C-alpha atoms as a PDB file:
ATOM      1  CA  MET A   1      98.713   4.523  83.467  1.00  0.00           C
ATOM      2  CA  LYS A   2      96.664   7.490  84.676  1.00  0.00           C
ATOM      3  CA  ARG A   3      95.127   9.899  82.200  1.00  0.00           C
ATOM      4  CA  THR A   4      95.223  12.921  84.522  1.00  0.00           C
ATOM      5  CA  THR A   5      98.130  15.292  85.072  1.00  0.00           C
ATOM      6  CA  LEU A   6      99.208  13.969  88.469  1.00  0.00           C
ATOM      7  CA  LEU A   7     101.394  10.854  88.119  1.00  0.00           C
ATOM      8  CA  HIS A   8     102.903  10.727  91.643  1.00  0.00           C
ATOM      9  CA  ALA A   9     101.046   7.738  93.128  1.00  0.00           C
ATOM     10  CA  GLU A  10     101.428   8.679  96.808  1.00  0.00           C
ATOM     11  CA  LEU A  11     100.258  12.286  96.263  1.00  0.00           C
ATOM     12  CA  SER A  12      97.362  11.159  94.082  1.00  0.00           C
ATOM     13  CA  HIS A  13      96.259   8.693  96.780  1.00  0.00           C
ATOM     14  CA  ALA A  14      96.557  11.352  99.456  1.00  0.00           C
ATOM     15  CA  ILE A  15      94.296  13.737  97.552  1.00  0.00           C
ATOM     16  CA  ALA A  16      91.780  10.971  96.840  1.00  0.00           C
ATOM     17  CA  SER A  17      91.729  10.227 100.582  1.00  0.00           C
ATOM     18  CA  LEU A  18      90.846  13.787 101.629  1.00  0.00           C
ATOM     19  CA  GLY A  19      87.402  14.529 103.069  1.00  0.00           C
ATOM     20  CA  HIS A  20      85.518  17.782 103.232  1.00  0.00           C
ATOM     21  CA  GLY A  21      87.488  20.268 105.361  1.00  0.00           C
ATOM     22  CA  ASP A  22      90.730  18.253 105.400  1.00  0.00           C
ATOM     23  CA  MET A  23      93.877  20.278 104.821  1.00  0.00           C
ATOM     24  CA  LEU A  24      96.741  19.663 102.425  1.00  0.00           C
ATOM     25  CA  VAL A  25      99.812  21.889 102.769  1.00  0.00           C
ATOM     26  CA  ILE A  26     102.236  22.649  99.987  1.00  0.00           C
ATOM     27  CA  GLY A  27     105.402  24.072 101.525  1.00  0.00           C
ATOM     28  CA  ASP A  28     108.770  25.421 100.673  1.00  0.00           C
ATOM     29  CA  ALA A  29     111.932  23.526 101.529  1.00  0.00           C
ATOM     30  CA  GLY A  30     112.245  25.165 104.950  1.00  0.00           C
ATOM     31  CA  LEU A  31     108.691  24.830 106.317  1.00  0.00           C
ATOM     32  CA  PRO A  32     108.779  22.703 109.466  1.00  0.00           C
ATOM     33  CA  ILE A  33     106.763  19.494 109.141  1.00  0.00           C
ATOM     34  CA  PRO A  34     105.206  18.471 112.474  1.00  0.00           C
ATOM     35  CA  ASP A  35     104.727  14.875 113.589  1.00  0.00           C
ATOM     36  CA  GLY A  36     101.289  13.722 112.596  1.00  0.00           C
ATOM     37  CA  PRO A  37     100.513  14.819 109.053  1.00  0.00           C
ATOM     38  CA  ARG A  38     101.509  12.486 106.247  1.00  0.00           C
ATOM     39  CA  ARG A  39     104.757  13.792 104.701  1.00  0.00           C
ATOM     40  CA  ILE A  40     105.257  13.654 100.956  1.00  0.00           C
ATOM     41  CA  ASP A  41     108.711  14.935 100.074  1.00  0.00           C
ATOM     42  CA  LEU A  42     109.091  16.019  96.465  1.00  0.00           C
ATOM     43  CA  ALA A  43     112.194  18.218  96.942  1.00  0.00           C
ATOM     44  CA  LEU A  44     115.005  17.239  94.585  1.00  0.00           C
ATOM     45  CA  THR A  45     117.328  20.246  94.782  1.00  0.00           C
ATOM     46  CA  PRO A  46     116.903  23.927  95.619  1.00  0.00           C
ATOM     47  CA  GLY A  47     114.147  25.284  93.376  1.00  0.00           C
ATOM     48  CA  ILE A  48     112.945  21.895  92.028  1.00  0.00           C
ATOM     49  CA  PRO A  49     110.030  21.486  92.058  1.00  0.00           C
ATOM     50  CA  THR A  50     108.575  24.904  92.811  1.00  0.00           C
ATOM     51  CA  VAL A  51     105.459  25.505  94.878  1.00  0.00           C
ATOM     52  CA  ALA A  52     103.755  26.888  91.768  1.00  0.00           C
ATOM     53  CA  GLU A  53     104.450  23.704  89.793  1.00  0.00           C
ATOM     54  CA  VAL A  54     103.197  21.429  92.560  1.00  0.00           C
ATOM     55  CA  LEU A  55     100.165  23.637  93.196  1.00  0.00           C
ATOM     56  CA  ARG A  56      99.190  23.544  89.515  1.00  0.00           C
ATOM     57  CA  VAL A  57      99.226  19.770  89.438  1.00  0.00           C
ATOM     58  CA  VAL A  58      97.505  19.325  92.812  1.00  0.00           C
ATOM     59  CA  LEU A  59      94.726  21.683  91.698  1.00  0.00           C
ATOM     60  CA  SER A  60      94.126  19.430  88.668  1.00  0.00           C
ATOM     61  CA  GLU A  61      92.803  16.761  91.080  1.00  0.00           C
ATOM     62  CA  MET A  62      91.776  18.546  94.288  1.00  0.00           C
ATOM     63  CA  GLN A  63      88.530  20.426  94.952  1.00  0.00           C
ATOM     64  CA  VAL A  64      89.535  23.447  97.057  1.00  0.00           C
ATOM     65  CA  GLU A  65      87.058  25.508  99.046  1.00  0.00           C
ATOM     66  CA  HIS A  66      89.473  27.665 101.017  1.00  0.00           C
ATOM     67  CA  ALA A  67      93.177  28.520 101.056  1.00  0.00           C
ATOM     68  CA  PHE A  68      95.546  30.168 103.535  1.00  0.00           C
ATOM     69  CA  ILE A  69      98.898  31.835 102.924  1.00  0.00           C
ATOM     70  CA  ALA A  70     101.187  33.755 105.265  1.00  0.00           C
ATOM     71  CA  THR A  71     100.619  37.484 105.659  1.00  0.00           C
ATOM     72  CA  GLU A  72     104.361  37.844 105.252  1.00  0.00           C
ATOM     73  CA  ALA A  73     104.105  36.386 101.729  1.00  0.00           C
ATOM     74  CA  VAL A  74     101.571  39.068 100.788  1.00  0.00           C
ATOM     75  CA  GLU A  75     103.751  41.785 102.301  1.00  0.00           C
ATOM     76  CA  ARG A  76     106.728  40.571 100.230  1.00  0.00           C
ATOM     77  CA  SER A  77     104.512  40.861  97.105  1.00  0.00           C
ATOM     78  CA  ALA A  78     103.627  44.516  97.627  1.00  0.00           C
ATOM     79  CA  GLY A  79     100.214  43.685  99.164  1.00  0.00           C
ATOM     80  CA  ALA A  80      99.008  41.292  96.463  1.00  0.00           C
ATOM     81  CA  PRO A  81      98.844  37.501  96.518  1.00  0.00           C
ATOM     82  CA  PRO A  82     102.248  36.157  95.453  1.00  0.00           C
ATOM     83  CA  VAL A  83     102.750  35.021  91.914  1.00  0.00           C
ATOM     84  CA  TRP A  84     103.401  31.406  93.042  1.00  0.00           C
ATOM     85  CA  CYS A  85      99.759  31.079  94.192  1.00  0.00           C
ATOM     86  CA  THR A  86      98.337  32.055  90.805  1.00  0.00           C
ATOM     87  CA  GLY A  87      95.670  29.589  89.732  1.00  0.00           C
ATOM     88  CA  LEU A  88      94.006  29.116  93.097  1.00  0.00           C
ATOM     89  CA  PRO A  89      90.258  28.752  92.575  1.00  0.00           C
ATOM     90  CA  VAL A  90      89.616  30.903  95.673  1.00  0.00           C
ATOM     91  CA  ALA A  91      91.234  34.048  97.012  1.00  0.00           C
ATOM     92  CA  PRO A  92      93.724  32.979  99.690  1.00  0.00           C
ATOM     93  CA  THR A  93      93.199  34.243 103.242  1.00  0.00           C
ATOM     94  CA  PRO A  94      96.384  35.750 104.712  1.00  0.00           C
ATOM     95  CA  ILE A  95      97.240  34.698 108.252  1.00  0.00           C
ATOM     96  CA  ALA A  96     100.389  35.359 110.328  1.00  0.00           C
ATOM     97  CA  HIS A  97     103.170  32.886 109.567  1.00  0.00           C
ATOM     98  CA  GLU A  98     103.244  31.606 113.168  1.00  0.00           C
ATOM     99  CA  GLU A  99      99.494  30.890 112.965  1.00  0.00           C
ATOM    100  CA  PHE A 100     100.067  29.227 109.571  1.00  0.00           C
ATOM    101  CA  LYS A 101     102.650  26.896 111.140  1.00  0.00           C
ATOM    102  CA  ARG A 102     100.240  26.087 114.042  1.00  0.00           C
ATOM    103  CA  ARG A 103      97.527  25.120 111.544  1.00  0.00           C
ATOM    104  CA  THR A 104      99.860  22.640 109.820  1.00  0.00           C
ATOM    105  CA  TYR A 105      99.635  20.440 112.910  1.00  0.00           C
ATOM    106  CA  ASN A 106      96.032  19.653 111.871  1.00  0.00           C
ATOM    107  CA  ALA A 107      96.840  18.973 108.216  1.00  0.00           C
ATOM    108  CA  ARG A 108      96.259  15.527 106.794  1.00  0.00           C
ATOM    109  CA  VAL A 109      99.098  15.874 104.267  1.00  0.00           C
ATOM    110  CA  MET A 110     102.197  18.064 103.961  1.00  0.00           C
ATOM    111  CA  VAL A 111     103.979  18.245 100.619  1.00  0.00           C
ATOM    112  CA  ARG A 112     107.568  19.495 100.711  1.00  0.00           C
ATOM    113  CA  THR A 113     108.901  21.118  97.570  1.00  0.00           C
ATOM    114  CA  GLY A 114     112.343  22.400  96.612  1.00  0.00           C
ATOM    115  CA  GLU A 115     111.090  26.014  96.712  1.00  0.00           C
ATOM    116  CA  CYS A 116     113.505  28.412  98.399  1.00  0.00           C
ATOM    117  CA  THR A 117     111.325  31.578  98.328  1.00  0.00           C
ATOM    118  CA  PRO A 118     110.537  32.723 101.904  1.00  0.00           C
ATOM    119  CA  TYR A 119     106.915  32.115 102.993  1.00  0.00           C
ATOM    120  CA  ALA A 120     106.033  30.230  99.779  1.00  0.00           C
ATOM    121  CA  ASN A 121     103.537  27.947 101.537  1.00  0.00           C
ATOM    122  CA  VAL A 122      99.832  27.359 101.082  1.00  0.00           C
ATOM    123  CA  ILE A 123      97.208  25.449 103.067  1.00  0.00           C
ATOM    124  CA  LEU A 124      94.480  24.034 100.841  1.00  0.00           C
ATOM    125  CA  VAL A 125      91.161  23.099 102.442  1.00  0.00           C
ATOM    126  CA  ALA A 126      89.318  20.338 100.633  1.00  0.00           C
ATOM    127  CA  GLY A 127      85.860  21.094  99.342  1.00  0.00           C
ATOM    128  CA  VAL A 128      83.208  18.849  97.837  1.00  0.00           C
ATOM    129  CA  THR A 129      82.304  18.330  94.182  1.00  0.00           C
ATOM    130  CA  PHE A 130      78.543  18.411  94.681  1.00  0.00           C
END
């Protein structure tokens, strides 16, 4: 059995398979998932698991050099990064939600959560550990 926090075998393998610059998306239950990226569906019921919970565990194994969130998420949080993206090792770059969805077409992995908060989505760009 693994000693690290992340026990989900498919998600752990997906993170281990990322190269520098590859994108992993953690999305709410309503984010469209395009054909192409690997889909890992963790949604159990509305609200379970949350984006924040999945993000915390993903960050325990993934080196992140950049992150993107929707501008609309920042606007809903009174101009600050939303609480669900607390713990990111980098300040997220806000981009329009339509642009966010376009970028998901180039993601390697999309993780669907049970989150039902509008615009609770983050694109993580893999960095290197050296």
